[in-house]
């Protein structure tokens, strides 16, 4: 009977250990689950006024929400289409205008053998401030 009792005691201890491990899982807070905003909603929330601002907003979305290190003209064009925005006739011209204003810069490496760009800090701030200059 004592062998039976020790076997039951051993099983009970194993169950207690497993329960303790499972309880630890409930004590840790789950990560906040955030639904990624769609590029369409992002564009509507930023309300860009012209093609240069729209190109900047698309670039910002690609960097922030899709974690692109850099983007090329094809990426921007795809972003415009997914946002249901008309694609500028010359995306490169809009990028050049943003580079001249200091909102974008050329990336160190090409992407898919094409010139690539990224936003500057001032470009990020400009988009996040709703296209208002900081005072």
C-alpha atoms as a PDB file:
ATOM      1  CA  UNK A   1       0.000   0.000   0.000  1.00  0.00           C
ATOM      2  CA  UNK A   2       2.846   2.385   0.694  1.00  0.00           C
ATOM      3  CA  UNK A   3       4.158   1.845  -2.877  1.00  0.00           C
ATOM      4  CA  UNK A   4       0.730   2.742  -4.172  1.00  0.00           C
ATOM      5  CA  UNK A   5       0.617   5.765  -1.888  1.00  0.00           C
ATOM      6  CA  UNK A   6       4.094   6.983  -2.978  1.00  0.00           C
ATOM      7  CA  UNK A   7       3.120   6.545  -6.638  1.00  0.00           C
ATOM      8  CA  UNK A   8      -0.022   8.651  -6.127  1.00  0.00           C
ATOM      9  CA  UNK A   9       1.996  11.238  -4.216  1.00  0.00           C
ATOM     10  CA  UNK A  10       4.584  11.394  -7.045  1.00  0.00           C
ATOM     11  CA  UNK A  11       1.854  11.861  -9.691  1.00  0.00           C
ATOM     12  CA  UNK A  12       0.190  14.542  -7.592  1.00  0.00           C
ATOM     13  CA  UNK A  13       3.486  16.442  -7.262  1.00  0.00           C
ATOM     14  CA  UNK A  14       4.029  16.241 -11.034  1.00  0.00           C
ATOM     15  CA  UNK A  15       0.549  17.655 -11.609  1.00  0.00           C
ATOM     16  CA  UNK A  16       1.219  20.466  -9.126  1.00  0.00           C
ATOM     17  CA  UNK A  17       4.419  21.406 -11.004  1.00  0.00           C
ATOM     18  CA  UNK A  18       2.599  21.439 -14.345  1.00  0.00           C
ATOM     19  CA  UNK A  19      -0.211  23.564 -12.917  1.00  0.00           C
ATOM     20  CA  UNK A  20       2.328  26.001 -11.440  1.00  0.00           C
ATOM     21  CA  UNK A  21       4.008  26.355 -14.856  1.00  0.00           C
ATOM     22  CA  UNK A  22       0.659  27.000 -16.545  1.00  0.00           C
ATOM     23  CA  UNK A  23      -0.272  29.594 -13.922  1.00  0.00           C
ATOM     24  CA  UNK A  24       2.958  31.478 -14.691  1.00  0.00           C
ATOM     25  CA  UNK A  25       1.754  31.900 -18.265  1.00  0.00           C
ATOM     26  CA  UNK A  26      -1.369  33.678 -17.051  1.00  0.00           C
ATOM     27  CA  UNK A  27       0.622  36.012 -14.810  1.00  0.00           C
ATOM     28  CA  UNK A  28       2.566  37.569 -17.688  1.00  0.00           C
ATOM     29  CA  UNK A  29       0.714  40.273 -19.575  1.00  0.00           C
ATOM     30  CA  UNK A  30      -0.043  39.478 -23.181  1.00  0.00           C
ATOM     31  CA  UNK A  31       1.497  41.789 -25.752  1.00  0.00           C
ATOM     32  CA  UNK A  32      -0.753  44.570 -26.889  1.00  0.00           C
ATOM     33  CA  UNK A  33      -2.305  43.537 -30.137  1.00  0.00           C
ATOM     34  CA  UNK A  34      -2.546  46.427 -32.528  1.00  0.00           C
ATOM     35  CA  UNK A  35      -4.236  46.075 -35.832  1.00  0.00           C
ATOM     36  CA  UNK A  36      -2.121  47.573 -38.560  1.00  0.00           C
ATOM     37  CA  UNK A  37      -3.800  50.571 -40.138  1.00  0.00           C
ATOM     38  CA  UNK A  38      -4.434  50.229 -43.875  1.00  0.00           C
ATOM     39  CA  UNK A  39      -2.570  52.523 -46.210  1.00  0.00           C
ATOM     40  CA  UNK A  40      -5.932  53.943 -47.340  1.00  0.00           C
ATOM     41  CA  UNK A  41      -6.933  54.911 -43.784  1.00  0.00           C
ATOM     42  CA  UNK A  42      -3.450  56.274 -43.134  1.00  0.00           C
ATOM     43  CA  UNK A  43      -3.658  58.534 -46.184  1.00  0.00           C
ATOM     44  CA  UNK A  44      -7.127  59.732 -45.186  1.00  0.00           C
ATOM     45  CA  UNK A  45      -5.921  60.501 -41.653  1.00  0.00           C
ATOM     46  CA  UNK A  46      -2.952  62.566 -42.913  1.00  0.00           C
ATOM     47  CA  UNK A  47      -4.932  64.360 -45.638  1.00  0.00           C
ATOM     48  CA  UNK A  48      -2.059  65.270 -47.975  1.00  0.00           C
ATOM     49  CA  UNK A  49      -2.823  68.290 -50.181  1.00  0.00           C
ATOM     50  CA  UNK A  50      -0.687  67.605 -53.270  1.00  0.00           C
ATOM     51  CA  UNK A  51       1.230  64.864 -55.065  1.00  0.00           C
ATOM     52  CA  UNK A  52       4.499  65.584 -53.233  1.00  0.00           C
ATOM     53  CA  UNK A  53       2.793  65.234 -49.862  1.00  0.00           C
ATOM     54  CA  UNK A  54       1.022  62.063 -51.006  1.00  0.00           C
ATOM     55  CA  UNK A  55       4.338  60.547 -52.135  1.00  0.00           C
ATOM     56  CA  UNK A  56       5.870  61.471 -48.780  1.00  0.00           C
ATOM     57  CA  UNK A  57       2.911  59.939 -46.913  1.00  0.00           C
ATOM     58  CA  UNK A  58       3.139  56.706 -48.916  1.00  0.00           C
ATOM     59  CA  UNK A  59       6.877  56.513 -48.214  1.00  0.00           C
ATOM     60  CA  UNK A  60       6.281  57.126 -44.515  1.00  0.00           C
ATOM     61  CA  UNK A  61       3.643  54.383 -44.411  1.00  0.00           C
ATOM     62  CA  UNK A  62       5.980  51.922 -46.118  1.00  0.00           C
ATOM     63  CA  UNK A  63       8.730  52.652 -43.601  1.00  0.00           C
ATOM     64  CA  UNK A  64       6.616  52.748 -40.458  1.00  0.00           C
ATOM     65  CA  UNK A  65       3.950  50.107 -41.003  1.00  0.00           C
ATOM     66  CA  UNK A  66       5.507  47.775 -43.544  1.00  0.00           C
ATOM     67  CA  UNK A  67       9.036  48.187 -42.151  1.00  0.00           C
ATOM     68  CA  UNK A  68      10.711  49.012 -45.464  1.00  0.00           C
ATOM     69  CA  UNK A  69      14.293  50.195 -44.919  1.00  0.00           C
ATOM     70  CA  UNK A  70      13.971  52.061 -48.215  1.00  0.00           C
ATOM     71  CA  UNK A  71      11.585  52.215 -51.156  1.00  0.00           C
ATOM     72  CA  UNK A  72      11.835  52.716 -54.909  1.00  0.00           C
ATOM     73  CA  UNK A  73       9.484  54.152 -57.535  1.00  0.00           C
ATOM     74  CA  UNK A  74       7.731  50.792 -57.977  1.00  0.00           C
ATOM     75  CA  UNK A  75       7.059  50.573 -54.206  1.00  0.00           C
ATOM     76  CA  UNK A  76       5.599  54.080 -54.216  1.00  0.00           C
ATOM     77  CA  UNK A  77       3.428  53.307 -57.235  1.00  0.00           C
ATOM     78  CA  UNK A  78       2.097  50.142 -55.562  1.00  0.00           C
ATOM     79  CA  UNK A  79       1.418  52.149 -52.392  1.00  0.00           C
ATOM     80  CA  UNK A  80      -0.578  54.735 -54.345  1.00  0.00           C
ATOM     81  CA  UNK A  81      -2.645  52.003 -55.968  1.00  0.00           C
ATOM     82  CA  UNK A  82      -3.334  50.222 -52.653  1.00  0.00           C
ATOM     83  CA  UNK A  83      -4.373  53.557 -51.132  1.00  0.00           C
ATOM     84  CA  UNK A  84      -6.722  54.052 -54.097  1.00  0.00           C
ATOM     85  CA  UNK A  85      -4.931  57.290 -54.960  1.00  0.00           C
ATOM     86  CA  UNK A  86      -4.113  58.328 -58.501  1.00  0.00           C
ATOM     87  CA  UNK A  87      -0.497  57.590 -59.339  1.00  0.00           C
ATOM     88  CA  UNK A  88       1.487  60.727 -60.251  1.00  0.00           C
ATOM     89  CA  UNK A  89       2.623  60.860 -63.874  1.00  0.00           C
ATOM     90  CA  UNK A  90       6.225  61.155 -62.711  1.00  0.00           C
ATOM     91  CA  UNK A  91       6.866  59.723 -59.244  1.00  0.00           C
ATOM     92  CA  UNK A  92      10.569  60.505 -59.545  1.00  0.00           C
ATOM     93  CA  UNK A  93       9.746  64.215 -59.901  1.00  0.00           C
ATOM     94  CA  UNK A  94       7.722  64.130 -56.658  1.00  0.00           C
ATOM     95  CA  UNK A  95      10.606  62.378 -54.905  1.00  0.00           C
ATOM     96  CA  UNK A  96      13.049  65.022 -56.181  1.00  0.00           C
ATOM     97  CA  UNK A  97      10.789  67.773 -54.833  1.00  0.00           C
ATOM     98  CA  UNK A  98      10.779  66.050 -51.421  1.00  0.00           C
ATOM     99  CA  UNK A  99      14.569  65.670 -51.525  1.00  0.00           C
ATOM    100  CA  UNK A 100      14.934  69.392 -52.316  1.00  0.00           C
ATOM    101  CA  UNK A 101      12.764  70.219 -49.298  1.00  0.00           C
ATOM    102  CA  UNK A 102      14.854  67.909 -47.101  1.00  0.00           C
ATOM    103  CA  UNK A 103      12.057  65.386 -46.485  1.00  0.00           C
ATOM    104  CA  UNK A 104      13.610  62.446 -48.352  1.00  0.00           C
ATOM    105  CA  UNK A 105      17.119  61.327 -49.187  1.00  0.00           C
ATOM    106  CA  UNK A 106      18.668  58.708 -51.395  1.00  0.00           C
ATOM    107  CA  UNK A 107      19.218  55.379 -49.646  1.00  0.00           C
ATOM    108  CA  UNK A 108      22.727  53.965 -49.419  1.00  0.00           C
ATOM    109  CA  UNK A 109      21.870  50.867 -51.428  1.00  0.00           C
ATOM    110  CA  UNK A 110      19.753  50.328 -54.492  1.00  0.00           C
ATOM    111  CA  UNK A 111      16.616  48.232 -54.237  1.00  0.00           C
ATOM    112  CA  UNK A 112      15.976  45.707 -56.990  1.00  0.00           C
ATOM    113  CA  UNK A 113      18.748  47.440 -58.977  1.00  0.00           C
ATOM    114  CA  UNK A 114      16.790  50.712 -58.871  1.00  0.00           C
ATOM    115  CA  UNK A 115      17.462  53.940 -57.015  1.00  0.00           C
ATOM    116  CA  UNK A 116      15.869  53.877 -53.578  1.00  0.00           C
ATOM    117  CA  UNK A 117      14.985  56.522 -51.012  1.00  0.00           C
ATOM    118  CA  UNK A 118      14.041  56.914 -47.382  1.00  0.00           C
ATOM    119  CA  UNK A 119      12.531  59.691 -45.313  1.00  0.00           C
ATOM    120  CA  UNK A 120      14.672  62.059 -43.292  1.00  0.00           C
ATOM    121  CA  UNK A 121      13.835  62.914 -39.691  1.00  0.00           C
ATOM    122  CA  UNK A 122      12.297  66.177 -40.845  1.00  0.00           C
ATOM    123  CA  UNK A 123      10.216  64.266 -43.404  1.00  0.00           C
ATOM    124  CA  UNK A 124       8.902  61.918 -40.729  1.00  0.00           C
ATOM    125  CA  UNK A 125       8.024  64.848 -38.461  1.00  0.00           C
ATOM    126  CA  UNK A 126       6.368  66.709 -41.342  1.00  0.00           C
ATOM    127  CA  UNK A 127       4.057  63.763 -42.093  1.00  0.00           C
ATOM    128  CA  UNK A 128       3.348  63.035 -38.426  1.00  0.00           C
ATOM    129  CA  UNK A 129       2.464  66.714 -37.861  1.00  0.00           C
ATOM    130  CA  UNK A 130      -0.154  66.537 -40.611  1.00  0.00           C
ATOM    131  CA  UNK A 131       2.050  68.403 -43.104  1.00  0.00           C
ATOM    132  CA  UNK A 132       2.422  71.391 -40.797  1.00  0.00           C
ATOM    133  CA  UNK A 133       5.887  72.900 -40.348  1.00  0.00           C
ATOM    134  CA  UNK A 134       7.257  72.776 -36.818  1.00  0.00           C
ATOM    135  CA  UNK A 135       7.464  76.171 -35.194  1.00  0.00           C
END
